[in-house]
Amino acid sequence: MKNIIAFAGSNSKKSINKQLVTYASTLVEKGRVSILDLNDFELPIYGIDLENDKGIPKNAHKFLELIKASDGILLSLAEHNGAYTSAFKNIFDWMTRIESKIFANKPMLLMATSPGARGGASVLEIAQGRFPYHDANIKGVFSLPSFEKHFSENKITDQELDVQLKKLVKQFEDSL
């Protein structure tokens, strides 16, 4: 059985991106999905002086090991001011200090949602440009616009968007 990790690039306890990635994880049929929470991997704000003085924190190593031990990644990125959240960027920065190729060529389904009509399009563009340098094997990209309008009772309510995500999850699974 394939081991898949799913997480949101957010530390919000009410993260709409965590809700989306959790829903996507229920669509996986060919593996066991572990849902991770960035709050369980708290880290100090990255800085070279801190790294030189204290080394790389254990939580960065733990998160990277979970990525490396997985067969695939479901990731839904929250967007703050058109970019990654500071929580995601911080863990990303710490992990890349351990090794640059953090995604280890694992198949990835990249997602985002937001309250607005662009559905996290800016952060998805940034990730699609940046993640391949870190050995991301992006198999599909999904954007859910206007979260409150299209998501209710732990699922996507817009049939067309739901079908689109289901197809992408299937493609992702086929790549495992």
Protein backbone atom coordinates (compact mmCIF):
# COMPACT_ATOMS: atom_id res chain seq x y z
CA MET A 1 0.00 0.00 0.00
CA LYS A 2 1.29 3.46 -0.92
CA ASN A 3 2.04 5.96 1.82
CA ILE A 4 0.83 9.47 0.98
CA ILE A 5 1.22 12.60 3.06
CA ALA A 6 -1.25 15.47 2.85
CA PHE A 7 -0.85 18.91 4.36
CA ALA A 8 -1.82 22.54 4.00
CA GLY A 9 0.76 25.29 3.74
CA SER A 10 -0.92 27.06 6.64
CA ASN A 11 -0.81 27.07 10.41
CA SER A 12 -4.38 28.34 10.80
CA LYS A 13 -6.52 26.07 12.95
CA LYS A 14 -9.46 26.85 10.61
CA SER A 15 -7.43 26.62 7.41
CA ILE A 16 -9.59 26.34 4.31
CA ASN A 17 -6.59 24.80 2.56
CA LYS A 18 -6.44 22.09 5.22
CA GLN A 19 -10.13 21.46 4.59
CA LEU A 20 -9.45 21.15 0.86
CA VAL A 21 -6.46 18.82 1.22
CA THR A 22 -8.36 16.72 3.75
CA TYR A 23 -11.20 16.35 1.26
CA ALA A 24 -8.75 15.45 -1.52
CA SER A 25 -7.26 12.81 0.77
CA THR A 26 -10.68 11.11 1.05
CA LEU A 27 -10.66 10.65 -2.73
CA VAL A 28 -7.47 8.56 -2.65
CA GLU A 29 -8.27 4.89 -3.18
CA LYS A 30 -4.83 3.37 -3.70
CA GLY A 31 -2.99 4.32 -0.56
CA ARG A 32 -2.93 5.29 3.06
CA VAL A 33 -2.98 9.05 3.62
CA SER A 34 -1.46 10.71 6.67
CA ILE A 35 -2.64 14.28 7.20
CA LEU A 36 0.07 16.48 8.65
CA ASP A 37 -0.39 19.80 10.44
CA LEU A 38 2.32 22.45 10.35
CA ASN A 39 1.40 23.31 13.94
CA ASP A 40 2.88 19.98 14.99
CA PHE A 41 6.25 21.05 13.56
CA GLU A 42 6.77 24.42 15.18
CA LEU A 43 10.06 26.07 14.28
CA PRO A 44 11.82 29.32 15.10
CA ILE A 45 11.96 31.83 12.27
CA TYR A 46 14.81 30.83 9.98
CA GLY A 47 17.98 32.88 10.15
CA ILE A 48 21.57 32.01 9.29
CA ASP A 49 22.80 33.25 12.69
CA LEU A 50 20.32 30.97 14.46
CA GLU A 51 21.32 28.04 12.27
CA ASN A 52 25.02 28.67 12.94
CA ASP A 53 24.46 29.01 16.70
CA LYS A 54 21.98 26.19 17.30
CA GLY A 55 21.89 24.03 14.17
CA ILE A 56 18.80 22.86 12.34
CA PRO A 57 15.83 22.09 14.61
CA LYS A 58 14.58 18.51 14.96
CA ASN A 59 11.13 19.41 13.60
CA ALA A 60 12.63 20.38 10.24
CA HIS A 61 14.38 17.01 10.10
CA LYS A 62 11.17 15.20 11.11
CA PHE A 63 9.08 16.90 8.42
CA LEU A 64 11.68 16.24 5.74
CA GLU A 65 11.86 12.57 6.78
CA LEU A 66 8.07 12.28 6.41
CA ILE A 67 8.32 13.66 2.88
CA LYS A 68 11.17 11.32 1.99
CA ALA A 69 9.38 8.28 3.50
CA SER A 70 6.21 8.99 1.52
CA ASP A 71 5.29 7.75 -1.93
CA GLY A 72 3.41 10.93 -2.81
CA ILE A 73 2.38 14.38 -1.58
CA LEU A 74 -0.97 16.19 -1.53
CA LEU A 75 -0.27 19.86 -0.78
CA SER A 76 -2.73 22.74 -0.61
CA LEU A 77 -1.01 26.11 -0.29
CA ALA A 78 -2.61 29.02 1.48
CA GLU A 79 -1.92 32.41 -0.03
CA HIS A 80 -0.96 35.46 2.03
CA ASN A 81 -0.41 38.66 0.08
CA GLY A 82 0.05 36.70 -3.14
CA ALA A 83 2.71 34.32 -1.78
CA TYR A 84 3.30 31.41 0.62
CA THR A 85 2.28 31.80 4.23
CA SER A 86 5.15 32.59 6.56
CA ALA A 87 4.57 29.24 8.33
CA PHE A 88 5.06 27.27 5.11
CA LYS A 89 7.97 29.41 3.90
CA ASN A 90 9.70 28.95 7.24
CA ILE A 91 9.53 25.14 7.26
CA PHE A 92 10.47 25.14 3.57
CA ASP A 93 13.54 27.30 4.32
CA TRP A 94 14.64 25.12 7.23
CA MET A 95 14.26 21.89 5.23
CA THR A 96 16.22 23.24 2.27
CA ARG A 97 19.12 23.91 4.65
CA ILE A 98 19.22 20.15 5.26
CA GLU A 99 19.11 19.36 1.55
CA SER A 100 17.98 21.29 -1.50
CA LYS A 101 15.97 18.53 -3.20
CA ILE A 102 13.41 18.26 -0.39
CA PHE A 103 10.58 16.85 -2.50
CA ALA A 104 12.72 13.87 -3.56
CA ASN A 105 10.93 13.47 -6.90
CA LYS A 106 7.77 12.32 -5.12
CA PRO A 107 4.57 12.69 -7.19
CA MET A 108 2.73 15.78 -5.98
CA LEU A 109 -0.79 17.09 -6.42
CA LEU A 110 -0.53 20.82 -5.81
CA MET A 111 -3.66 22.72 -4.77
CA ALA A 112 -4.82 26.03 -3.38
CA THR A 113 -8.03 27.70 -2.41
CA SER A 114 -8.97 31.15 -1.19
CA PRO A 115 -12.08 33.16 -0.40
CA GLY A 116 -11.54 35.08 -3.65
CA ALA A 117 -12.21 34.27 -7.28
CA ARG A 118 -8.54 33.57 -8.12
CA GLY A 119 -8.38 30.58 -5.76
CA GLY A 120 -4.75 31.03 -4.76
CA ALA A 121 -3.56 31.42 -8.36
CA SER A 122 -0.59 33.59 -7.37
CA VAL A 123 0.84 31.14 -4.85
CA LEU A 124 0.31 28.26 -7.30
CA GLU A 125 2.30 30.15 -9.94
CA ILE A 126 5.12 30.73 -7.46
CA ALA A 127 5.15 27.08 -6.39
CA GLN A 128 5.08 25.77 -9.96
CA GLY A 129 8.10 27.93 -10.74
CA ARG A 130 10.04 27.19 -7.53
CA PHE A 131 9.24 23.60 -6.51
CA PRO A 132 10.85 21.85 -9.51
CA TYR A 133 14.22 23.26 -8.36
CA HIS A 134 13.63 21.26 -5.19
CA ASP A 135 12.86 18.06 -7.10
CA ALA A 136 9.06 18.37 -7.03
CA ASN A 137 7.32 16.03 -9.45
CA ILE A 138 4.09 17.99 -9.90
CA LYS A 139 1.49 15.71 -11.48
CA GLY A 140 -1.43 18.12 -11.33
CA VAL A 141 -2.50 21.56 -10.15
CA PHE A 142 -5.94 22.42 -8.79
CA SER A 143 -7.38 25.78 -7.79
CA LEU A 144 -10.67 26.10 -5.91
CA PRO A 145 -11.95 29.68 -6.24
CA SER A 146 -14.41 31.31 -3.85
CA PHE A 147 -14.10 28.69 -1.11
CA GLU A 148 -17.27 29.61 0.78
CA LYS A 149 -19.31 29.38 -2.43
CA HIS A 150 -17.88 26.04 -3.62
CA PHE A 151 -17.15 24.07 -0.43
CA SER A 152 -19.60 22.94 2.22
CA GLU A 153 -20.02 19.97 4.55
CA ASN A 154 -16.42 18.85 3.98
CA LYS A 155 -16.68 18.58 0.20
CA ILE A 156 -16.68 20.57 -3.03
CA THR A 157 -20.25 21.47 -3.92
CA ASP A 158 -19.65 22.65 -7.48
CA GLN A 159 -19.96 19.52 -9.63
CA GLU A 160 -17.58 20.68 -12.37
CA LEU A 161 -14.84 21.59 -9.89
CA ASP A 162 -15.40 18.36 -7.96
CA VAL A 163 -15.04 16.28 -11.13
CA GLN A 164 -11.87 18.20 -12.00
CA LEU A 165 -10.31 17.44 -8.60
CA LYS A 166 -11.35 13.78 -8.78
CA LYS A 167 -9.64 13.42 -12.16
CA LEU A 168 -6.47 15.01 -10.82
CA VAL A 169 -6.46 12.73 -7.77
CA LYS A 170 -6.82 9.73 -10.09
CA GLN A 171 -3.90 10.98 -12.26
CA PHE A 172 -1.86 11.49 -9.10
CA GLU A 173 -2.64 7.96 -7.89
CA ASP A 174 -1.77 6.49 -11.29
CA SER A 175 1.66 8.12 -11.02
CA LEU A 176 2.50 6.49 -7.68
